[in-house]
C-alpha atoms as a PDB file:
ATOM      1  CA  UNK A   1       0.000   0.000   0.000  1.00  0.00           C
ATOM      2  CA  UNK A   2       1.283   3.443  -0.920  1.00  0.00           C
ATOM      3  CA  UNK A   3       2.119   6.041   1.715  1.00  0.00           C
ATOM      4  CA  UNK A   4      -0.502   8.383   0.272  1.00  0.00           C
ATOM      5  CA  UNK A   5      -3.123   5.649   0.669  1.00  0.00           C
ATOM      6  CA  UNK A   6      -2.036   5.000   4.254  1.00  0.00           C
ATOM      7  CA  UNK A   7      -2.324   8.741   4.946  1.00  0.00           C
ATOM      8  CA  UNK A   8      -5.826   8.820   3.482  1.00  0.00           C
ATOM      9  CA  UNK A   9      -6.851   5.779   5.517  1.00  0.00           C
ATOM     10  CA  UNK A  10      -5.511   7.413   8.681  1.00  0.00           C
ATOM     11  CA  UNK A  11      -7.529  10.560   7.956  1.00  0.00           C
ATOM     12  CA  UNK A  12     -10.643   8.540   7.135  1.00  0.00           C
ATOM     13  CA  UNK A  13     -10.285   6.752  10.464  1.00  0.00           C
ATOM     14  CA  UNK A  14     -10.214  10.186  12.126  1.00  0.00           C
ATOM     15  CA  UNK A  15     -13.392  10.940  10.208  1.00  0.00           C
ATOM     16  CA  UNK A  16     -15.018   7.839  11.722  1.00  0.00           C
ATOM     17  CA  UNK A  17     -14.137   9.148  15.203  1.00  0.00           C
ATOM     18  CA  UNK A  18     -15.714  12.479  14.295  1.00  0.00           C
ATOM     19  CA  UNK A  19     -18.864  10.716  13.109  1.00  0.00           C
ATOM     20  CA  UNK A  20     -18.999   8.892  16.463  1.00  0.00           C
ATOM     21  CA  UNK A  21     -18.839  12.257  18.236  1.00  0.00           C
ATOM     22  CA  UNK A  22     -21.523  13.588  15.918  1.00  0.00           C
ATOM     23  CA  UNK A  23     -23.738  10.605  16.711  1.00  0.00           C
ATOM     24  CA  UNK A  24     -23.333  11.182  20.443  1.00  0.00           C
ATOM     25  CA  UNK A  25     -24.285  14.837  20.064  1.00  0.00           C
ATOM     26  CA  UNK A  26     -27.248  13.974  17.846  1.00  0.00           C
ATOM     27  CA  UNK A  27     -28.463  11.497  20.466  1.00  0.00           C
ATOM     28  CA  UNK A  28     -28.146  14.205  23.111  1.00  0.00           C
ATOM     29  CA  UNK A  29     -30.007  16.634  20.860  1.00  0.00           C
ATOM     30  CA  UNK A  30     -32.757  14.052  20.430  1.00  0.00           C
ATOM     31  CA  UNK A  31     -33.030  13.617  24.194  1.00  0.00           C
ATOM     32  CA  UNK A  32     -33.198  17.374  24.800  1.00  0.00           C
ATOM     33  CA  UNK A  33     -35.856  17.824  22.143  1.00  0.00           C
ATOM     34  CA  UNK A  34     -37.991  15.076  23.658  1.00  0.00           C
ATOM     35  CA  UNK A  35     -37.592  16.656  27.095  1.00  0.00           C
ATOM     36  CA  UNK A  36     -38.378  20.072  25.590  1.00  0.00           C
ATOM     37  CA  UNK A  37     -35.089  21.382  27.026  1.00  0.00           C
ATOM     38  CA  UNK A  38     -34.294  23.997  24.401  1.00  0.00           C
ATOM     39  CA  UNK A  39     -31.804  25.931  26.553  1.00  0.00           C
ATOM     40  CA  UNK A  40     -28.905  23.570  25.882  1.00  0.00           C
ATOM     41  CA  UNK A  41     -29.816  22.906  22.271  1.00  0.00           C
ATOM     42  CA  UNK A  42     -27.819  25.789  20.792  1.00  0.00           C
ATOM     43  CA  UNK A  43     -24.596  24.574  22.362  1.00  0.00           C
ATOM     44  CA  UNK A  44     -25.112  21.118  20.858  1.00  0.00           C
ATOM     45  CA  UNK A  45     -25.888  22.597  17.443  1.00  0.00           C
ATOM     46  CA  UNK A  46     -22.667  24.603  17.599  1.00  0.00           C
ATOM     47  CA  UNK A  47     -20.612  21.533  18.527  1.00  0.00           C
ATOM     48  CA  UNK A  48     -22.236  19.551  15.719  1.00  0.00           C
ATOM     49  CA  UNK A  49     -21.364  22.312  13.253  1.00  0.00           C
ATOM     50  CA  UNK A  50     -17.731  22.266  14.423  1.00  0.00           C
ATOM     51  CA  UNK A  51     -17.530  18.502  13.919  1.00  0.00           C
ATOM     52  CA  UNK A  52     -19.107  18.715  10.470  1.00  0.00           C
ATOM     53  CA  UNK A  53     -16.535  21.382   9.581  1.00  0.00           C
ATOM     54  CA  UNK A  54     -13.709  19.055  10.669  1.00  0.00           C
ATOM     55  CA  UNK A  55     -15.167  16.244   8.566  1.00  0.00           C
ATOM     56  CA  UNK A  56     -15.409  18.563   5.585  1.00  0.00           C
ATOM     57  CA  UNK A  57     -11.769  19.647   6.033  1.00  0.00           C
ATOM     58  CA  UNK A  58     -10.665  16.013   5.868  1.00  0.00           C
ATOM     59  CA  UNK A  59     -12.673  15.432   2.729  1.00  0.00           C
ATOM     60  CA  UNK A  60     -11.370  18.619   1.100  1.00  0.00           C
ATOM     61  CA  UNK A  61      -7.790  17.904   2.128  1.00  0.00           C
ATOM     62  CA  UNK A  62      -7.675  14.687   0.148  1.00  0.00           C
ATOM     63  CA  UNK A  63     -10.539  15.375  -2.245  1.00  0.00           C
ATOM     64  CA  UNK A  64     -11.775  11.836  -1.708  1.00  0.00           C
ATOM     65  CA  UNK A  65     -14.809  10.764  -3.712  1.00  0.00           C
ATOM     66  CA  UNK A  66     -17.262   8.236  -2.310  1.00  0.00           C
ATOM     67  CA  UNK A  67     -15.980   5.670  -4.792  1.00  0.00           C
ATOM     68  CA  UNK A  68     -12.394   6.239  -3.667  1.00  0.00           C
ATOM     69  CA  UNK A  69     -13.472   5.956  -0.034  1.00  0.00           C
ATOM     70  CA  UNK A  70     -15.042   2.577  -0.718  1.00  0.00           C
ATOM     71  CA  UNK A  71     -11.921   1.377  -2.543  1.00  0.00           C
ATOM     72  CA  UNK A  72      -9.728   2.473   0.368  1.00  0.00           C
ATOM     73  CA  UNK A  73     -12.040   0.838   2.881  1.00  0.00           C
ATOM     74  CA  UNK A  74     -11.864  -2.472   1.024  1.00  0.00           C
ATOM     75  CA  UNK A  75      -8.117  -2.232   0.450  1.00  0.00           C
ATOM     76  CA  UNK A  76      -7.336  -1.347   4.057  1.00  0.00           C
ATOM     77  CA  UNK A  77      -9.445  -4.045   5.723  1.00  0.00           C
ATOM     78  CA  UNK A  78      -9.907  -1.502   8.514  1.00  0.00           C
ATOM     79  CA  UNK A  79     -12.676  -2.469  10.914  1.00  0.00           C
ATOM     80  CA  UNK A  80     -12.928   1.170  11.888  1.00  0.00           C
ATOM     81  CA  UNK A  81     -13.632   2.291   8.320  1.00  0.00           C
ATOM     82  CA  UNK A  82     -16.257  -0.409   7.927  1.00  0.00           C
ATOM     83  CA  UNK A  83     -18.265   1.342  10.659  1.00  0.00           C
ATOM     84  CA  UNK A  84     -18.643   4.606   8.762  1.00  0.00           C
ATOM     85  CA  UNK A  85     -21.772   3.656   6.799  1.00  0.00           C
ATOM     86  CA  UNK A  86     -23.781   2.409   9.805  1.00  0.00           C
ATOM     87  CA  UNK A  87     -22.720   5.514  11.766  1.00  0.00           C
ATOM     88  CA  UNK A  88     -23.829   7.882   9.023  1.00  0.00           C
ATOM     89  CA  UNK A  89     -27.122   6.009   8.632  1.00  0.00           C
ATOM     90  CA  UNK A  90     -27.805   6.186  12.365  1.00  0.00           C
ATOM     91  CA  UNK A  91     -27.024   9.909  12.440  1.00  0.00           C
ATOM     92  CA  UNK A  92     -29.321  10.470   9.461  1.00  0.00           C
ATOM     93  CA  UNK A  93     -32.195   8.582  11.112  1.00  0.00           C
ATOM     94  CA  UNK A  94     -31.797  10.487  14.374  1.00  0.00           C
ATOM     95  CA  UNK A  95     -31.656  13.832  12.569  1.00  0.00           C
ATOM     96  CA  UNK A  96     -34.848  12.935  10.703  1.00  0.00           C
ATOM     97  CA  UNK A  97     -36.473  12.079  14.028  1.00  0.00           C
ATOM     98  CA  UNK A  98     -35.216  15.336  15.531  1.00  0.00           C
ATOM     99  CA  UNK A  99     -36.859  17.308  12.746  1.00  0.00           C
ATOM    100  CA  UNK A 100     -40.174  15.617  13.459  1.00  0.00           C
ATOM    101  CA  UNK A 101     -39.860  16.260  17.208  1.00  0.00           C
ATOM    102  CA  UNK A 102     -39.115  19.964  16.572  1.00  0.00           C
ATOM    103  CA  UNK A 103     -42.417  20.371  14.747  1.00  0.00           C
END
């Protein structure tokens, strides 16, 4: 495996950690919305924005397409990278639920 590929894999693994943080914050947001505790919601939204910005920086740094990500995931055999899709799906489902709860 090339050094550039190893570097990309390392950064993608950091991205997985960021998605885990994002999931935790989205779960907390969901809890606060259900409890109608809107006071702490802005802080969570800000933290989520910061994490999304970090994820975007990683993606811009390497300009990695989804197809290239999949190829790297397969090539690396990284268990951590294999978790990215379920994490993103769980975040998406929670954010959909949060939108419904807000209404």
